[in-house]
């Protein structure tokens, strides 16, 4: 039986930290692999945003890295959200494969 993945729950995981938590809690009972995959990608994006915020503390060079990083993060987020909506299990650009490698055991 080929079941359609829950794209709405996967997409919700990318909509702020609250959306991530809602998707995480909802997926605890269903244990859908597709949603779990996008939860890992979303968590990676969240942790990358936190790391960029810490880097922004450093004057000048940190600010430059932060600004460039935010634009790259925005691009990664849009592509990941579109993949979730289109029911694709593709990693986020640039760091998505690393997110799987680093965070797959979290869920």
PDB file of N, CA and C in Angstrom:
ATOM      1  N   UNK A   1       0.846  -1.188   0.000  1.00  0.00           N
ATOM      2  CA  UNK A   1       0.000   0.000   0.000  1.00  0.00           C
ATOM      3  C   UNK A   1       0.887   1.245   0.000  1.00  0.00           C
ATOM      4  N   UNK A   2       0.693   2.110  -0.934  1.00  0.00           N
ATOM      5  CA  UNK A   2       1.464   3.337  -1.056  1.00  0.00           C
ATOM      6  C   UNK A   2       0.667   4.483  -0.441  1.00  0.00           C
ATOM      7  N   UNK A   3       1.087   4.913   0.739  1.00  0.00           N
ATOM      8  CA  UNK A   3       0.369   5.990   1.416  1.00  0.00           C
ATOM      9  C   UNK A   3       1.031   7.323   1.103  1.00  0.00           C
ATOM     10  N   UNK A   4       0.215   8.343   1.013  1.00  0.00           N
ATOM     11  CA  UNK A   4       0.710   9.693   0.733  1.00  0.00           C
ATOM     12  C   UNK A   4       1.321  10.272   2.007  1.00  0.00           C
ATOM     13  N   UNK A   5       2.528  10.853   1.902  1.00  0.00           N
ATOM     14  CA  UNK A   5       3.143  11.431   3.098  1.00  0.00           C
ATOM     15  C   UNK A   5       2.367  12.649   3.591  1.00  0.00           C
ATOM     16  N   UNK A   6       2.476  12.906   4.873  1.00  0.00           N
ATOM     17  CA  UNK A   6       1.791  14.026   5.496  1.00  0.00           C
ATOM     18  C   UNK A   6       2.591  15.314   5.224  1.00  0.00           C
ATOM     19  N   UNK A   7       2.325  15.923   4.087  1.00  0.00           N
ATOM     20  CA  UNK A   7       3.076  17.122   3.705  1.00  0.00           C
ATOM     21  C   UNK A   7       2.761  18.319   4.600  1.00  0.00           C
ATOM     22  N   UNK A   8       1.543  18.386   5.109  1.00  0.00           N
ATOM     23  CA  UNK A   8       1.193  19.540   5.945  1.00  0.00           C
ATOM     24  C   UNK A   8       1.982  19.527   7.251  1.00  0.00           C
ATOM     25  N   UNK A   9       2.118  18.371   7.860  1.00  0.00           N
ATOM     26  CA  UNK A   9       2.871  18.287   9.113  1.00  0.00           C
ATOM     27  C   UNK A   9       4.354  18.555   8.860  1.00  0.00           C
ATOM     28  N   UNK A  10       4.882  18.059   7.748  1.00  0.00           N
ATOM     29  CA  UNK A  10       6.281  18.318   7.397  1.00  0.00           C
ATOM     30  C   UNK A  10       6.494  19.801   7.141  1.00  0.00           C
ATOM     31  N   UNK A  11       5.565  20.458   6.448  1.00  0.00           N
ATOM     32  CA  UNK A  11       5.690  21.889   6.162  1.00  0.00           C
ATOM     33  C   UNK A  11       5.584  22.712   7.436  1.00  0.00           C
ATOM     34  N   UNK A  12       4.712  22.307   8.347  1.00  0.00           N
ATOM     35  CA  UNK A  12       4.555  23.029   9.614  1.00  0.00           C
ATOM     36  C   UNK A  12       5.864  23.023  10.403  1.00  0.00           C
ATOM     37  N   UNK A  13       6.652  21.965  10.257  1.00  0.00           N
ATOM     38  CA  UNK A  13       7.911  21.882  11.007  1.00  0.00           C
ATOM     39  C   UNK A  13       8.874  23.008  10.649  1.00  0.00           C
ATOM     40  N   UNK A  14       8.705  23.616   9.482  1.00  0.00           N
ATOM     41  CA  UNK A  14       9.578  24.709   9.057  1.00  0.00           C
ATOM     42  C   UNK A  14       9.057  26.087   9.468  1.00  0.00           C
ATOM     43  N   UNK A  15       7.868  26.152  10.022  1.00  0.00           N
ATOM     44  CA  UNK A  15       7.262  27.447  10.337  1.00  0.00           C
ATOM     45  C   UNK A  15       7.508  27.805  11.795  1.00  0.00           C
ATOM     46  N   UNK A  16       8.571  28.456  12.061  1.00  0.00           N
ATOM     47  CA  UNK A  16       9.008  28.920  13.386  1.00  0.00           C
ATOM     48  C   UNK A  16       9.276  27.763  14.349  1.00  0.00           C
ATOM     49  N   UNK A  17       9.796  28.101  15.488  1.00  0.00           N
ATOM     50  CA  UNK A  17      10.091  27.105  16.519  1.00  0.00           C
ATOM     51  C   UNK A  17       8.796  26.472  17.035  1.00  0.00           C
ATOM     52  N   UNK A  18       7.744  27.238  17.113  1.00  0.00           N
ATOM     53  CA  UNK A  18       6.459  26.709  17.567  1.00  0.00           C
ATOM     54  C   UNK A  18       5.929  25.678  16.577  1.00  0.00           C
ATOM     55  N   UNK A  19       6.042  25.959  15.283  1.00  0.00           N
ATOM     56  CA  UNK A  19       5.635  24.994  14.265  1.00  0.00           C
ATOM     57  C   UNK A  19       6.450  23.714  14.356  1.00  0.00           C
ATOM     58  N   UNK A  20       7.745  23.862  14.605  1.00  0.00           N
ATOM     59  CA  UNK A  20       8.610  22.695  14.783  1.00  0.00           C
ATOM     60  C   UNK A  20       8.128  21.845  15.957  1.00  0.00           C
ATOM     61  N   UNK A  21       7.828  22.497  17.075  1.00  0.00           N
ATOM     62  CA  UNK A  21       7.379  21.763  18.266  1.00  0.00           C
ATOM     63  C   UNK A  21       6.026  21.090  18.035  1.00  0.00           C
ATOM     64  N   UNK A  22       5.127  21.758  17.340  1.00  0.00           N
ATOM     65  CA  UNK A  22       3.820  21.157  17.026  1.00  0.00           C
ATOM     66  C   UNK A  22       4.014  19.915  16.165  1.00  0.00           C
ATOM     67  N   UNK A  23       4.836  20.025  15.120  1.00  0.00           N
ATOM     68  CA  UNK A  23       5.085  18.874  14.242  1.00  0.00           C
ATOM     69  C   UNK A  23       5.769  17.743  15.001  1.00  0.00           C
ATOM     70  N   UNK A  24       6.687  18.095  15.885  1.00  0.00           N
ATOM     71  CA  UNK A  24       7.385  17.083  16.679  1.00  0.00           C
ATOM     72  C   UNK A  24       6.415  16.324  17.578  1.00  0.00           C
ATOM     73  N   UNK A  25       5.547  17.048  18.262  1.00  0.00           N
ATOM     74  CA  UNK A  25       4.569  16.414  19.161  1.00  0.00           C
ATOM     75  C   UNK A  25       3.573  15.573  18.372  1.00  0.00           C
ATOM     76  N   UNK A  26       3.089  16.099  17.260  1.00  0.00           N
ATOM     77  CA  UNK A  26       2.129  15.355  16.435  1.00  0.00           C
ATOM     78  C   UNK A  26       2.757  14.082  15.861  1.00  0.00           C
ATOM     79  N   UNK A  27       4.030  14.155  15.526  1.00  0.00           N
ATOM     80  CA  UNK A  27       4.690  12.992  14.922  1.00  0.00           C
ATOM     81  C   UNK A  27       5.047  11.928  15.953  1.00  0.00           C
ATOM     82  N   UNK A  28       5.021  12.269  17.233  1.00  0.00           N
ATOM     83  CA  UNK A  28       5.340  11.279  18.256  1.00  0.00           C
ATOM     84  C   UNK A  28       4.363  10.102  18.242  1.00  0.00           C
ATOM     85  N   UNK A  29       3.106  10.389  17.948  1.00  0.00           N
ATOM     86  CA  UNK A  29       2.110   9.309  17.937  1.00  0.00           C
ATOM     87  C   UNK A  29       2.054   8.572  16.604  1.00  0.00           C
ATOM     88  N   UNK A  30       2.315   9.291  15.500  1.00  0.00           N
ATOM     89  CA  UNK A  30       2.192   8.688  14.171  1.00  0.00           C
ATOM     90  C   UNK A  30       3.486   8.057  13.688  1.00  0.00           C
ATOM     91  N   UNK A  31       4.620   8.607  14.074  1.00  0.00           N
ATOM     92  CA  UNK A  31       5.941   8.115  13.680  1.00  0.00           C
ATOM     93  C   UNK A  31       6.102   7.986  12.169  1.00  0.00           C
ATOM     94  N   UNK A  32       5.773   9.026  11.430  1.00  0.00           N
ATOM     95  CA  UNK A  32       5.914   9.021   9.982  1.00  0.00           C
ATOM     96  C   UNK A  32       7.360   9.347   9.604  1.00  0.00           C
ATOM     97  N   UNK A  33       7.940   8.526   8.749  1.00  0.00           N
ATOM     98  CA  UNK A  33       9.334   8.708   8.339  1.00  0.00           C
ATOM     99  C   UNK A  33       9.522  10.010   7.550  1.00  0.00           C
ATOM    100  N   UNK A  34       8.537  10.357   6.717  1.00  0.00           N
ATOM    101  CA  UNK A  34       8.631  11.578   5.920  1.00  0.00           C
ATOM    102  C   UNK A  34       8.669  12.809   6.816  1.00  0.00           C
ATOM    103  N   UNK A  35       7.791  12.867   7.802  1.00  0.00           N
ATOM    104  CA  UNK A  35       7.769  14.003   8.731  1.00  0.00           C
ATOM    105  C   UNK A  35       9.037  14.025   9.567  1.00  0.00           C
ATOM    106  N   UNK A  36       9.499  12.863   9.999  1.00  0.00           N
ATOM    107  CA  UNK A  36      10.727  12.762  10.787  1.00  0.00           C
ATOM    108  C   UNK A  36      11.910  13.322   9.994  1.00  0.00           C
ATOM    109  N   UNK A  37      11.978  12.991   8.717  1.00  0.00           N
ATOM    110  CA  UNK A  37      13.050  13.485   7.851  1.00  0.00           C
ATOM    111  C   UNK A  37      13.047  15.019   7.831  1.00  0.00           C
ATOM    112  N   UNK A  38      11.879  15.605   7.671  1.00  0.00           N
ATOM    113  CA  UNK A  38      11.799  17.067   7.615  1.00  0.00           C
ATOM    114  C   UNK A  38      11.984  17.701   8.998  1.00  0.00           C
ATOM    115  N   UNK A  39      11.668  16.978  10.058  1.00  0.00           N
ATOM    116  CA  UNK A  39      11.976  17.479  11.403  1.00  0.00           C
ATOM    117  C   UNK A  39      13.489  17.583  11.594  1.00  0.00           C
ATOM    118  N   UNK A  40      14.221  16.594  11.097  1.00  0.00           N
ATOM    119  CA  UNK A  40      15.687  16.633  11.186  1.00  0.00           C
ATOM    120  C   UNK A  40      16.230  17.823  10.407  1.00  0.00           C
ATOM    121  N   UNK A  41      15.717  18.041   9.199  1.00  0.00           N
ATOM    122  CA  UNK A  41      16.163  19.176   8.385  1.00  0.00           C
ATOM    123  C   UNK A  41      15.816  20.504   9.068  1.00  0.00           C
ATOM    124  N   UNK A  42      14.623  20.597   9.614  1.00  0.00           N
ATOM    125  CA  UNK A  42      14.186  21.818  10.288  1.00  0.00           C
ATOM    126  C   UNK A  42      15.035  22.095  11.531  1.00  0.00           C
ATOM    127  N   UNK A  43      15.315  21.057  12.302  1.00  0.00           N
ATOM    128  CA  UNK A  43      16.161  21.232  13.485  1.00  0.00           C
ATOM    129  C   UNK A  43      17.546  21.714  13.077  1.00  0.00           C
ATOM    130  N   UNK A  44      18.063  21.182  11.993  1.00  0.00           N
ATOM    131  CA  UNK A  44      19.359  21.638  11.497  1.00  0.00           C
ATOM    132  C   UNK A  44      19.340  23.112  11.149  1.00  0.00           C
ATOM    133  N   UNK A  45      18.273  23.556  10.496  1.00  0.00           N
ATOM    134  CA  UNK A  45      18.154  24.975  10.153  1.00  0.00           C
ATOM    135  C   UNK A  45      18.050  25.837  11.411  1.00  0.00           C
ATOM    136  N   UNK A  46      17.319  25.366  12.395  1.00  0.00           N
ATOM    137  CA  UNK A  46      17.185  26.109  13.660  1.00  0.00           C
ATOM    138  C   UNK A  46      18.542  26.236  14.353  1.00  0.00           C
ATOM    139  N   UNK A  47      19.286  25.129  14.416  1.00  0.00           N
ATOM    140  CA  UNK A  47      20.598  25.161  15.065  1.00  0.00           C
ATOM    141  C   UNK A  47      21.590  26.024  14.291  1.00  0.00           C
ATOM    142  N   UNK A  48      21.475  26.032  12.969  1.00  0.00           N
ATOM    143  CA  UNK A  48      22.319  26.904  12.157  1.00  0.00           C
ATOM    144  C   UNK A  48      22.005  28.371  12.444  1.00  0.00           C
ATOM    145  N   UNK A  49      20.728  28.709  12.595  1.00  0.00           N
ATOM    146  CA  UNK A  49      20.336  30.079  12.933  1.00  0.00           C
ATOM    147  C   UNK A  49      20.884  30.483  14.301  1.00  0.00           C
ATOM    148  N   UNK A  50      20.863  29.564  15.252  1.00  0.00           N
ATOM    149  CA  UNK A  50      21.416  29.852  16.576  1.00  0.00           C
ATOM    150  C   UNK A  50      22.919  30.083  16.490  1.00  0.00           C
ATOM    151  N   UNK A  51      23.607  29.241  15.716  1.00  0.00           N
ATOM    152  CA  UNK A  51      25.055  29.400  15.544  1.00  0.00           C
ATOM    153  C   UNK A  51      25.386  30.736  14.885  1.00  0.00           C
ATOM    154  N   UNK A  52      24.601  31.127  13.891  1.00  0.00           N
ATOM    155  CA  UNK A  52      24.815  32.427  13.241  1.00  0.00           C
ATOM    156  C   UNK A  52      24.597  33.582  14.216  1.00  0.00           C
ATOM    157  N   UNK A  53      23.627  33.435  15.096  1.00  0.00           N
ATOM    158  CA  UNK A  53      23.362  34.480  16.095  1.00  0.00           C
ATOM    159  C   UNK A  53      24.535  34.623  17.060  1.00  0.00           C
ATOM    160  N   UNK A  54      25.155  33.514  17.393  1.00  0.00           N
ATOM    161  CA  UNK A  54      26.320  33.564  18.285  1.00  0.00           C
ATOM    162  C   UNK A  54      27.506  34.202  17.566  1.00  0.00           C
ATOM    163  N   UNK A  55      27.693  33.852  16.297  1.00  0.00           N
ATOM    164  CA  UNK A  55      28.777  34.436  15.500  1.00  0.00           C
ATOM    165  C   UNK A  55      28.602  35.945  15.363  1.00  0.00           C
ATOM    166  N   UNK A  56      27.366  36.415  15.337  1.00  0.00           N
ATOM    167  CA  UNK A  56      27.088  37.847  15.163  1.00  0.00           C
ATOM    168  C   UNK A  56      27.602  38.691  16.323  1.00  0.00           C
ATOM    169  N   UNK A  57      27.970  38.077  17.415  1.00  0.00           N
ATOM    170  CA  UNK A  57      28.503  38.812  18.562  1.00  0.00           C
ATOM    171  C   UNK A  57      29.862  39.425  18.233  1.00  0.00           C
ATOM    172  N   UNK A  58      30.618  38.741  17.371  1.00  0.00           N
ATOM    173  CA  UNK A  58      31.953  39.212  16.997  1.00  0.00           C
ATOM    174  C   UNK A  58      31.816  40.442  16.085  1.00  0.00           C
ATOM    175  N   UNK A  59      32.426  41.552  16.456  1.00  0.00           N
ATOM    176  CA  UNK A  59      32.310  42.759  15.628  1.00  0.00           C
ATOM    177  C   UNK A  59      32.905  42.583  14.223  1.00  0.00           C
ATOM    178  N   UNK A  60      32.360  43.249  13.289  1.00  0.00           N
ATOM    179  CA  UNK A  60      32.736  43.373  11.885  1.00  0.00           C
ATOM    180  C   UNK A  60      32.743  42.023  11.156  1.00  0.00           C
ATOM    181  N   UNK A  61      33.737  41.180  11.371  1.00  0.00           N
ATOM    182  CA  UNK A  61      33.798  39.900  10.666  1.00  0.00           C
ATOM    183  C   UNK A  61      32.594  39.027  11.016  1.00  0.00           C
ATOM    184  N   UNK A  62      32.231  38.987  12.268  1.00  0.00           N
ATOM    185  CA  UNK A  62      31.059  38.223  12.698  1.00  0.00           C
ATOM    186  C   UNK A  62      29.783  38.764  12.084  1.00  0.00           C
ATOM    187  N   UNK A  63      29.688  40.064  11.982  1.00  0.00           N
ATOM    188  CA  UNK A  63      28.505  40.686  11.380  1.00  0.00           C
ATOM    189  C   UNK A  63      28.406  40.314   9.909  1.00  0.00           C
ATOM    190  N   UNK A  64      29.550  40.347   9.213  1.00  0.00           N
ATOM    191  CA  UNK A  64      29.567  39.988   7.796  1.00  0.00           C
ATOM    192  C   UNK A  64      29.151  38.526   7.603  1.00  0.00           C
ATOM    193  N   UNK A  65      29.730  37.637   8.400  1.00  0.00           N
ATOM    194  CA  UNK A  65      29.376  36.211   8.322  1.00  0.00           C
ATOM    195  C   UNK A  65      27.897  36.025   8.624  1.00  0.00           C
ATOM    196  N   UNK A  66      27.393  36.749   9.608  1.00  0.00           N
ATOM    197  CA  UNK A  66      25.985  36.653   9.985  1.00  0.00           C
ATOM    198  C   UNK A  66      25.068  37.080   8.827  1.00  0.00           C
ATOM    199  N   UNK A  67      25.367  38.201   8.206  1.00  0.00           N
ATOM    200  CA  UNK A  67      24.511  38.710   7.121  1.00  0.00           C
ATOM    201  C   UNK A  67      24.504  37.736   5.938  1.00  0.00           C
ATOM    202  N   UNK A  68      25.673  37.286   5.527  1.00  0.00           N
ATOM    203  CA  UNK A  68      25.754  36.324   4.426  1.00  0.00           C
ATOM    204  C   UNK A  68      25.053  35.027   4.821  1.00  0.00           C
ATOM    205  N   UNK A  69      25.308  34.597   6.054  1.00  0.00           N
ATOM    206  CA  UNK A  69      24.707  33.356   6.550  1.00  0.00           C
ATOM    207  C   UNK A  69      23.193  33.406   6.601  1.00  0.00           C
ATOM    208  N   UNK A  70      22.637  34.540   6.967  1.00  0.00           N
ATOM    209  CA  UNK A  70      21.182  34.675   7.035  1.00  0.00           C
ATOM    210  C   UNK A  70      20.561  34.541   5.650  1.00  0.00           C
ATOM    211  N   UNK A  71      21.188  35.134   4.640  1.00  0.00           N
ATOM    212  CA  UNK A  71      20.665  34.993   3.273  1.00  0.00           C
ATOM    213  C   UNK A  71      20.761  33.543   2.790  1.00  0.00           C
ATOM    214  N   UNK A  72      21.870  32.879   3.103  1.00  0.00           N
ATOM    215  CA  UNK A  72      21.998  31.460   2.746  1.00  0.00           C
ATOM    216  C   UNK A  72      20.980  30.610   3.504  1.00  0.00           C
ATOM    217  N   UNK A  73      20.782  30.934   4.771  1.00  0.00           N
ATOM    218  CA  UNK A  73      19.808  30.208   5.582  1.00  0.00           C
ATOM    219  C   UNK A  73      18.392  30.409   5.039  1.00  0.00           C
ATOM    220  N   UNK A  74      18.081  31.608   4.622  1.00  0.00           N
ATOM    221  CA  UNK A  74      16.776  31.888   4.029  1.00  0.00           C
ATOM    222  C   UNK A  74      16.572  31.048   2.767  1.00  0.00           C
ATOM    223  N   UNK A  75      17.588  30.991   1.926  1.00  0.00           N
ATOM    224  CA  UNK A  75      17.525  30.160   0.720  1.00  0.00           C
ATOM    225  C   UNK A  75      17.311  28.692   1.082  1.00  0.00           C
ATOM    226  N   UNK A  76      18.075  28.187   2.048  1.00  0.00           N
ATOM    227  CA  UNK A  76      17.944  26.785   2.475  1.00  0.00           C
ATOM    228  C   UNK A  76      16.549  26.522   3.022  1.00  0.00           C
ATOM    229  N   UNK A  77      16.014  27.468   3.777  1.00  0.00           N
ATOM    230  CA  UNK A  77      14.694  27.308   4.384  1.00  0.00           C
ATOM    231  C   UNK A  77      13.606  27.256   3.307  1.00  0.00           C
ATOM    232  N   UNK A  78      13.671  28.147   2.331  1.00  0.00           N
ATOM    233  CA  UNK A  78      12.659  28.178   1.271  1.00  0.00           C
ATOM    234  C   UNK A  78      12.681  26.879   0.472  1.00  0.00           C
ATOM    235  N   UNK A  79      13.866  26.428   0.094  1.00  0.00           N
ATOM    236  CA  UNK A  79      13.977  25.183  -0.671  1.00  0.00           C
ATOM    237  C   UNK A  79      13.461  23.998   0.154  1.00  0.00           C
ATOM    238  N   UNK A  80      13.814  23.940   1.422  1.00  0.00           N
ATOM    239  CA  UNK A  80      13.360  22.843   2.287  1.00  0.00           C
ATOM    240  C   UNK A  80      11.845  22.859   2.464  1.00  0.00           C
ATOM    241  N   UNK A  81      11.277  24.037   2.667  1.00  0.00           N
ATOM    242  CA  UNK A  81       9.830  24.157   2.802  1.00  0.00           C
ATOM    243  C   UNK A  81       9.129  23.704   1.524  1.00  0.00           C
ATOM    244  N   UNK A  82       9.657  24.106   0.381  1.00  0.00           N
ATOM    245  CA  UNK A  82       9.067  23.694  -0.900  1.00  0.00           C
ATOM    246  C   UNK A  82       9.181  22.183  -1.099  1.00  0.00           C
ATOM    247  N   UNK A  83      10.286  21.594  -0.671  1.00  0.00           N
ATOM    248  CA  UNK A  83      10.434  20.133  -0.751  1.00  0.00           C
ATOM    249  C   UNK A  83       9.391  19.434   0.108  1.00  0.00           C
ATOM    250  N   UNK A  84       9.126  19.965   1.293  1.00  0.00           N
ATOM    251  CA  UNK A  84       8.109  19.367   2.167  1.00  0.00           C
ATOM    252  C   UNK A  84       6.727  19.484   1.542  1.00  0.00           C
ATOM    253  N   UNK A  85       6.414  20.629   0.978  1.00  0.00           N
ATOM    254  CA  UNK A  85       5.102  20.841   0.353  1.00  0.00           C
ATOM    255  C   UNK A  85       4.918  19.930  -0.855  1.00  0.00           C
ATOM    256  N   UNK A  86       5.991  19.724  -1.627  1.00  0.00           N
ATOM    257  CA  UNK A  86       5.923  18.893  -2.833  1.00  0.00           C
ATOM    258  C   UNK A  86       6.142  17.403  -2.545  1.00  0.00           C
ATOM    259  N   UNK A  87       6.199  17.028  -1.270  1.00  0.00           N
ATOM    260  CA  UNK A  87       6.373  15.638  -0.833  1.00  0.00           C
ATOM    261  C   UNK A  87       7.687  15.039  -1.322  1.00  0.00           C
ATOM    262  N   UNK A  88       8.742  15.862  -1.327  1.00  0.00           N
ATOM    263  CA  UNK A  88      10.067  15.381  -1.713  1.00  0.00           C
ATOM    264  C   UNK A  88      10.924  15.213  -0.468  1.00  0.00           C
ATOM    265  N   UNK A  89      11.679  14.150  -0.451  1.00  0.00           N
ATOM    266  CA  UNK A  89      12.580  13.896   0.659  1.00  0.00           C
ATOM    267  C   UNK A  89      14.008  14.219   0.207  1.00  0.00           C
ATOM    268  N   UNK A  90      14.250  15.503  -0.018  1.00  0.00           N
ATOM    269  CA  UNK A  90      15.552  15.980  -0.463  1.00  0.00           C
ATOM    270  C   UNK A  90      16.173  16.811   0.649  1.00  0.00           C
ATOM    271  N   UNK A  91      17.498  16.670   0.849  1.00  0.00           N
ATOM    272  CA  UNK A  91      18.138  17.466   1.899  1.00  0.00           C
ATOM    273  C   UNK A  91      18.194  18.950   1.538  1.00  0.00           C
ATOM    274  N   UNK A  92      18.279  19.762   2.553  1.00  0.00           N
ATOM    275  CA  UNK A  92      18.426  21.211   2.354  1.00  0.00           C
ATOM    276  C   UNK A  92      19.722  21.471   1.598  1.00  0.00           C
ATOM    277  N   UNK A  93      19.742  22.506   0.759  1.00  0.00           N
ATOM    278  CA  UNK A  93      20.989  22.830   0.051  1.00  0.00           C
ATOM    279  C   UNK A  93      22.107  23.148   1.046  1.00  0.00           C
ATOM    280  N   UNK A  94      23.300  22.899   0.660  1.00  0.00           N
ATOM    281  CA  UNK A  94      24.530  23.187   1.401  1.00  0.00           C
ATOM    282  C   UNK A  94      24.760  22.265   2.599  1.00  0.00           C
ATOM    283  N   UNK A  95      23.914  22.288   3.591  1.00  0.00           N
ATOM    284  CA  UNK A  95      24.165  21.542   4.828  1.00  0.00           C
ATOM    285  C   UNK A  95      23.199  20.395   5.102  1.00  0.00           C
ATOM    286  N   UNK A  96      22.233  20.161   4.237  1.00  0.00           N
ATOM    287  CA  UNK A  96      21.203  19.158   4.494  1.00  0.00           C
ATOM    288  C   UNK A  96      21.736  17.762   4.734  1.00  0.00           C
ATOM    289  N   UNK A  97      22.740  17.345   3.962  1.00  0.00           N
ATOM    290  CA  UNK A  97      23.316  16.008   4.167  1.00  0.00           C
ATOM    291  C   UNK A  97      24.037  15.923   5.510  1.00  0.00           C
ATOM    292  N   UNK A  98      24.650  17.010   5.911  1.00  0.00           N
ATOM    293  CA  UNK A  98      25.309  17.050   7.231  1.00  0.00           C
ATOM    294  C   UNK A  98      24.274  16.996   8.354  1.00  0.00           C
ATOM    295  N   UNK A  99      23.140  17.667   8.163  1.00  0.00           N
ATOM    296  CA  UNK A  99      22.083  17.605   9.173  1.00  0.00           C
ATOM    297  C   UNK A  99      21.649  16.157   9.399  1.00  0.00           C
ATOM    298  N   UNK A 100      21.501  15.412   8.315  1.00  0.00           N
ATOM    299  CA  UNK A 100      21.115  14.004   8.429  1.00  0.00           C
ATOM    300  C   UNK A 100      22.187  13.226   9.183  1.00  0.00           C
ATOM    301  N   UNK A 101      23.425  13.471   8.825  1.00  0.00           N
ATOM    302  CA  UNK A 101      24.543  12.781   9.457  1.00  0.00           C
ATOM    303  C   UNK A 101      24.629  13.111  10.953  1.00  0.00           C
ATOM    304  N   UNK A 102      24.481  14.377  11.303  1.00  0.00           N
ATOM    305  CA  UNK A 102      24.651  14.819  12.681  1.00  0.00           C
ATOM    306  C   UNK A 102      23.418  14.594  13.547  1.00  0.00           C
ATOM    307  N   UNK A 103      22.222  14.750  12.988  1.00  0.00           N
ATOM    308  CA  UNK A 103      21.011  14.817  13.815  1.00  0.00           C
ATOM    309  C   UNK A 103      20.058  13.638  13.644  1.00  0.00           C
ATOM    310  N   UNK A 104      20.378  12.694  12.787  1.00  0.00           N
ATOM    311  CA  UNK A 104      19.442  11.608  12.497  1.00  0.00           C
ATOM    312  C   UNK A 104      19.089  10.794  13.734  1.00  0.00           C
ATOM    313  N   UNK A 105      20.008  10.677  14.676  1.00  0.00           N
ATOM    314  CA  UNK A 105      19.743   9.876  15.863  1.00  0.00           C
ATOM    315  C   UNK A 105      18.943  10.621  16.938  1.00  0.00           C
ATOM    316  N   UNK A 106      18.658  11.903  16.713  1.00  0.00           N
ATOM    317  CA  UNK A 106      17.939  12.710  17.715  1.00  0.00           C
ATOM    318  C   UNK A 106      16.486  12.246  17.860  1.00  0.00           C
ATOM    319  N   UNK A 107      15.871  11.887  16.746  1.00  0.00           N
ATOM    320  CA  UNK A 107      14.453  11.513  16.794  1.00  0.00           C
ATOM    321  C   UNK A 107      14.311  10.019  16.701  1.00  0.00           C
TER     322      UNK A 107
END
